[in-house]
């Protein structure tokens, strides 16, 4: 289940907003990579980068936390797709079968 993150985001430029945007951008990058989409660079990315860098400087684990949140969101979105659900079930069955053989 996907749970709501609370970064206390209030407005563009504050630390909570920067963290939320970092999660969103990482999630978008993960999904683009999964789908084979090349993202387009936007003019406003530079403004976001400055805020992300500040957040990352203040919290050395921020990138790991943001990446984990982004991955959970990407997994959630993938899980909404019927084809992905079937592939995940097949993968889980293969893993379980491999565990049984190894035991």
N, C-alpha and C. Protein backbone atom coordinates (compact mmCIF):
# COMPACT_ATOMS: atom_id res chain seq x y z
N UNK A 1 0.84 -1.18 0.00
CA UNK A 1 0.00 0.00 0.00
C UNK A 1 0.88 1.24 0.00
N UNK A 2 0.51 2.22 -0.79
CA UNK A 2 1.24 3.47 -0.88
C UNK A 2 0.75 4.40 0.22
N UNK A 3 1.68 4.92 1.00
CA UNK A 3 1.31 5.83 2.07
C UNK A 3 1.77 7.24 1.72
N UNK A 4 1.08 8.22 2.27
CA UNK A 4 1.40 9.62 2.02
C UNK A 4 2.65 10.01 2.79
N UNK A 5 3.55 10.66 2.09
CA UNK A 5 4.75 11.20 2.73
C UNK A 5 4.41 12.57 3.29
N UNK A 6 5.05 12.95 4.38
CA UNK A 6 4.84 14.28 4.93
C UNK A 6 6.18 15.00 4.98
N UNK A 7 6.42 15.82 3.97
CA UNK A 7 7.63 16.62 3.95
C UNK A 7 7.34 18.06 4.39
N UNK A 8 6.11 18.32 4.83
CA UNK A 8 5.70 19.65 5.26
C UNK A 8 5.94 20.70 4.17
N UNK A 9 5.62 20.32 2.94
CA UNK A 9 5.79 21.23 1.82
C UNK A 9 4.73 22.31 1.85
N UNK A 10 5.18 23.54 1.78
CA UNK A 10 4.25 24.67 1.81
C UNK A 10 4.29 25.49 0.52
N UNK A 11 5.50 25.74 0.02
CA UNK A 11 5.62 26.57 -1.18
C UNK A 11 6.90 26.24 -1.91
N UNK A 12 6.97 26.66 -3.17
CA UNK A 12 8.18 26.44 -3.96
C UNK A 12 9.37 27.07 -3.24
N UNK A 13 10.44 26.30 -3.13
CA UNK A 13 11.66 26.83 -2.54
C UNK A 13 11.91 26.38 -1.12
N UNK A 14 10.86 25.97 -0.39
CA UNK A 14 11.13 25.51 0.97
C UNK A 14 11.62 24.07 0.92
N UNK A 15 12.21 23.59 2.01
CA UNK A 15 12.84 22.28 2.04
C UNK A 15 11.85 21.14 1.81
N UNK A 16 10.67 21.26 2.38
CA UNK A 16 9.66 20.22 2.18
C UNK A 16 9.26 20.10 0.73
N UNK A 17 9.09 21.23 0.07
CA UNK A 17 8.72 21.23 -1.34
C UNK A 17 9.86 20.63 -2.17
N UNK A 18 11.09 20.99 -1.84
CA UNK A 18 12.24 20.47 -2.58
C UNK A 18 12.31 18.95 -2.44
N UNK A 19 12.07 18.43 -1.25
CA UNK A 19 12.11 16.99 -1.04
C UNK A 19 10.98 16.29 -1.82
N UNK A 20 9.81 16.87 -1.81
CA UNK A 20 8.68 16.29 -2.54
C UNK A 20 8.97 16.27 -4.04
N UNK A 21 9.54 17.36 -4.54
CA UNK A 21 9.87 17.43 -5.96
C UNK A 21 10.98 16.45 -6.33
N UNK A 22 11.92 16.23 -5.41
CA UNK A 22 12.98 15.27 -5.67
C UNK A 22 12.40 13.86 -5.80
N UNK A 23 11.47 13.52 -4.94
CA UNK A 23 10.78 12.23 -5.04
C UNK A 23 10.06 12.12 -6.38
N UNK A 24 9.36 13.17 -6.76
CA UNK A 24 8.61 13.16 -8.02
C UNK A 24 9.54 13.01 -9.22
N UNK A 25 10.65 13.73 -9.22
CA UNK A 25 11.58 13.66 -10.35
C UNK A 25 12.27 12.30 -10.42
N UNK A 26 12.65 11.76 -9.28
CA UNK A 26 13.25 10.42 -9.28
C UNK A 26 12.25 9.38 -9.76
N UNK A 27 11.01 9.50 -9.30
CA UNK A 27 9.96 8.58 -9.74
C UNK A 27 9.75 8.67 -11.25
N UNK A 28 9.73 9.89 -11.76
CA UNK A 28 9.58 10.08 -13.20
C UNK A 28 10.75 9.46 -13.95
N UNK A 29 11.96 9.63 -13.42
CA UNK A 29 13.15 9.05 -14.06
C UNK A 29 13.07 7.52 -14.05
N UNK A 30 12.63 6.93 -12.93
CA UNK A 30 12.50 5.48 -12.85
C UNK A 30 11.49 4.98 -13.87
N UNK A 31 10.35 5.66 -13.96
CA UNK A 31 9.30 5.23 -14.90
C UNK A 31 9.76 5.41 -16.34
N UNK A 32 10.43 6.52 -16.64
CA UNK A 32 10.94 6.73 -17.99
C UNK A 32 11.92 5.63 -18.37
N UNK A 33 12.80 5.28 -17.44
CA UNK A 33 13.76 4.20 -17.72
C UNK A 33 13.05 2.88 -17.96
N UNK A 34 12.05 2.57 -17.14
CA UNK A 34 11.30 1.33 -17.30
C UNK A 34 10.57 1.27 -18.64
N UNK A 35 10.09 2.41 -19.08
CA UNK A 35 9.28 2.46 -20.30
C UNK A 35 10.09 2.79 -21.55
N UNK A 36 11.38 3.05 -21.39
CA UNK A 36 12.23 3.36 -22.53
C UNK A 36 11.99 4.76 -23.09
N UNK A 37 11.58 5.67 -22.23
CA UNK A 37 11.31 7.04 -22.65
C UNK A 37 12.51 7.92 -22.30
N UNK A 38 12.94 8.75 -23.24
CA UNK A 38 14.01 9.70 -22.97
C UNK A 38 13.38 11.01 -22.54
N UNK A 39 13.61 11.42 -21.28
CA UNK A 39 12.99 12.66 -20.81
C UNK A 39 13.62 13.89 -21.48
N UNK A 40 12.83 14.92 -21.61
CA UNK A 40 13.28 16.18 -22.19
C UNK A 40 13.76 17.10 -21.07
N UNK A 41 14.85 17.79 -21.30
CA UNK A 41 15.35 18.76 -20.33
C UNK A 41 14.50 20.02 -20.43
N UNK A 42 14.12 20.52 -19.26
CA UNK A 42 13.28 21.72 -19.21
C UNK A 42 14.09 22.88 -18.64
N UNK A 43 13.69 24.08 -19.01
CA UNK A 43 14.40 25.28 -18.55
C UNK A 43 14.31 25.48 -17.04
N UNK A 44 13.22 25.02 -16.42
CA UNK A 44 13.05 25.26 -14.99
C UNK A 44 13.78 24.23 -14.11
N UNK A 45 14.45 23.26 -14.72
CA UNK A 45 15.16 22.25 -13.92
C UNK A 45 16.27 22.85 -13.08
N UNK A 46 16.93 23.88 -13.57
CA UNK A 46 18.04 24.49 -12.82
C UNK A 46 17.55 25.04 -11.48
N UNK A 47 16.38 25.64 -11.47
CA UNK A 47 15.84 26.18 -10.21
C UNK A 47 15.59 25.06 -9.21
N UNK A 48 15.06 23.96 -9.68
CA UNK A 48 14.80 22.82 -8.80
C UNK A 48 16.11 22.23 -8.27
N UNK A 49 17.11 22.13 -9.12
CA UNK A 49 18.38 21.53 -8.71
C UNK A 49 19.00 22.26 -7.52
N UNK A 50 18.93 23.57 -7.52
CA UNK A 50 19.48 24.34 -6.41
C UNK A 50 18.80 23.98 -5.09
N UNK A 51 17.50 23.83 -5.12
CA UNK A 51 16.76 23.48 -3.90
C UNK A 51 17.06 22.05 -3.48
N UNK A 52 17.18 21.15 -4.45
CA UNK A 52 17.49 19.76 -4.12
C UNK A 52 18.87 19.66 -3.50
N UNK A 53 19.83 20.39 -4.07
CA UNK A 53 21.19 20.36 -3.52
C UNK A 53 21.23 20.81 -2.07
N UNK A 54 20.47 21.85 -1.76
CA UNK A 54 20.41 22.32 -0.38
C UNK A 54 19.83 21.24 0.54
N UNK A 55 18.76 20.61 0.10
CA UNK A 55 18.15 19.54 0.89
C UNK A 55 19.12 18.38 1.08
N UNK A 56 19.87 18.05 0.03
CA UNK A 56 20.82 16.94 0.11
C UNK A 56 22.01 17.28 1.00
N UNK A 57 22.42 18.53 1.00
CA UNK A 57 23.52 18.95 1.87
C UNK A 57 23.12 18.89 3.34
N UNK A 58 21.87 19.22 3.62
CA UNK A 58 21.39 19.24 5.00
C UNK A 58 21.12 17.85 5.55
N UNK A 59 20.83 16.90 4.69
CA UNK A 59 20.50 15.55 5.12
C UNK A 59 21.18 14.55 4.19
N UNK A 60 22.23 13.94 4.66
CA UNK A 60 23.02 13.02 3.83
C UNK A 60 22.23 11.79 3.39
N UNK A 61 21.15 11.47 4.06
CA UNK A 61 20.34 10.30 3.70
C UNK A 61 19.13 10.68 2.85
N UNK A 62 18.99 11.94 2.54
CA UNK A 62 17.81 12.41 1.80
C UNK A 62 17.66 11.72 0.45
N UNK A 63 18.76 11.49 -0.24
CA UNK A 63 18.68 10.87 -1.56
C UNK A 63 18.17 9.43 -1.45
N UNK A 64 18.58 8.73 -0.39
CA UNK A 64 18.13 7.35 -0.20
C UNK A 64 16.65 7.31 0.15
N UNK A 65 16.24 8.22 1.00
CA UNK A 65 14.82 8.30 1.38
C UNK A 65 13.96 8.66 0.17
N UNK A 66 14.41 9.66 -0.60
CA UNK A 66 13.67 10.09 -1.78
C UNK A 66 13.59 8.97 -2.81
N UNK A 67 14.70 8.27 -3.01
CA UNK A 67 14.71 7.17 -3.98
C UNK A 67 13.78 6.04 -3.54
N UNK A 68 13.75 5.76 -2.24
CA UNK A 68 12.86 4.70 -1.74
C UNK A 68 11.40 5.08 -1.93
N UNK A 69 11.05 6.34 -1.62
CA UNK A 69 9.67 6.80 -1.84
C UNK A 69 9.32 6.74 -3.33
N UNK A 70 10.26 7.19 -4.16
CA UNK A 70 10.01 7.20 -5.61
C UNK A 70 9.83 5.79 -6.15
N UNK A 71 10.63 4.85 -5.65
CA UNK A 71 10.50 3.47 -6.12
C UNK A 71 9.17 2.86 -5.71
N UNK A 72 8.73 3.16 -4.49
CA UNK A 72 7.42 2.65 -4.05
C UNK A 72 6.30 3.23 -4.93
N UNK A 73 6.41 4.50 -5.27
CA UNK A 73 5.40 5.12 -6.14
C UNK A 73 5.42 4.50 -7.53
N UNK A 74 6.62 4.28 -8.07
CA UNK A 74 6.73 3.65 -9.40
C UNK A 74 6.17 2.23 -9.36
N UNK A 75 6.49 1.48 -8.31
CA UNK A 75 5.96 0.12 -8.17
C UNK A 75 4.44 0.14 -8.09
N UNK A 76 3.91 1.11 -7.36
CA UNK A 76 2.45 1.24 -7.23
C UNK A 76 1.83 1.48 -8.61
N UNK A 77 2.40 2.40 -9.38
CA UNK A 77 1.87 2.70 -10.71
C UNK A 77 2.01 1.49 -11.64
N UNK A 78 3.13 0.81 -11.57
CA UNK A 78 3.29 -0.41 -12.37
C UNK A 78 2.23 -1.44 -11.99
N UNK A 79 1.94 -1.54 -10.70
CA UNK A 79 0.97 -2.52 -10.23
C UNK A 79 -0.44 -2.27 -10.73
N UNK A 80 -0.71 -1.07 -11.19
CA UNK A 80 -2.03 -0.76 -11.74
C UNK A 80 -2.21 -1.29 -13.15
N UNK A 81 -1.10 -1.69 -13.77
CA UNK A 81 -1.14 -2.19 -15.14
C UNK A 81 -1.34 -3.70 -15.13
N UNK A 82 -2.34 -4.21 -15.82
CA UNK A 82 -2.61 -5.66 -15.81
C UNK A 82 -1.41 -6.50 -16.24
N UNK A 83 -0.70 -6.10 -17.28
CA UNK A 83 0.44 -6.87 -17.76
C UNK A 83 1.52 -6.96 -16.68
N UNK A 84 1.78 -5.87 -15.98
CA UNK A 84 2.80 -5.86 -14.94
C UNK A 84 2.40 -6.77 -13.79
N UNK A 85 1.13 -6.76 -13.44
CA UNK A 85 0.66 -7.62 -12.36
C UNK A 85 0.91 -9.08 -12.69
N UNK A 86 0.61 -9.48 -13.93
CA UNK A 86 0.81 -10.87 -14.35
C UNK A 86 2.29 -11.23 -14.33
N UNK A 87 3.16 -10.33 -14.81
CA UNK A 87 4.59 -10.59 -14.81
C UNK A 87 5.12 -10.70 -13.39
N UNK A 88 4.64 -9.85 -12.49
CA UNK A 88 5.08 -9.89 -11.09
C UNK A 88 4.67 -11.21 -10.44
N UNK A 89 3.46 -11.66 -10.73
CA UNK A 89 3.00 -12.94 -10.16
C UNK A 89 3.84 -14.08 -10.71
N UNK A 90 4.17 -14.03 -12.01
CA UNK A 90 5.01 -15.07 -12.61
C UNK A 90 6.40 -15.06 -11.98
N UNK A 91 6.97 -13.87 -11.78
CA UNK A 91 8.28 -13.75 -11.17
C UNK A 91 8.27 -14.30 -9.75
N UNK A 92 7.22 -13.97 -8.99
CA UNK A 92 7.12 -14.47 -7.62
C UNK A 92 7.01 -15.99 -7.60
N UNK A 93 6.26 -16.56 -8.54
CA UNK A 93 6.12 -18.01 -8.62
C UNK A 93 7.46 -18.67 -8.95
N UNK A 94 8.22 -18.06 -9.87
CA UNK A 94 9.53 -18.61 -10.23
C UNK A 94 10.49 -18.54 -9.05
N UNK A 95 10.46 -17.46 -8.30
CA UNK A 95 11.32 -17.31 -7.13
C UNK A 95 10.95 -18.36 -6.09
N UNK A 96 9.66 -18.52 -5.84
CA UNK A 96 9.20 -19.50 -4.86
C UNK A 96 9.59 -20.92 -5.29
N UNK A 97 9.47 -21.21 -6.57
CA UNK A 97 9.84 -22.52 -7.06
C UNK A 97 11.35 -22.73 -6.92
N UNK A 98 12.13 -21.70 -7.19
CA UNK A 98 13.58 -21.79 -7.03
C UNK A 98 13.97 -22.00 -5.58
N UNK A 99 13.25 -21.36 -4.65
CA UNK A 99 13.51 -21.55 -3.22
C UNK A 99 13.22 -22.97 -2.80
N UNK A 100 12.17 -23.56 -3.38
CA UNK A 100 11.81 -24.94 -3.04
C UNK A 100 12.87 -25.92 -3.55
N UNK A 101 13.40 -25.65 -4.74
CA UNK A 101 14.42 -26.52 -5.33
C UNK A 101 15.71 -26.42 -4.51
N UNK A 102 16.05 -25.19 -4.06
CA UNK A 102 17.29 -24.98 -3.32
C UNK A 102 17.22 -25.63 -1.93
N UNK A 103 16.02 -25.79 -1.39
CA UNK A 103 15.87 -26.35 -0.04
C UNK A 103 15.97 -27.81 -0.07
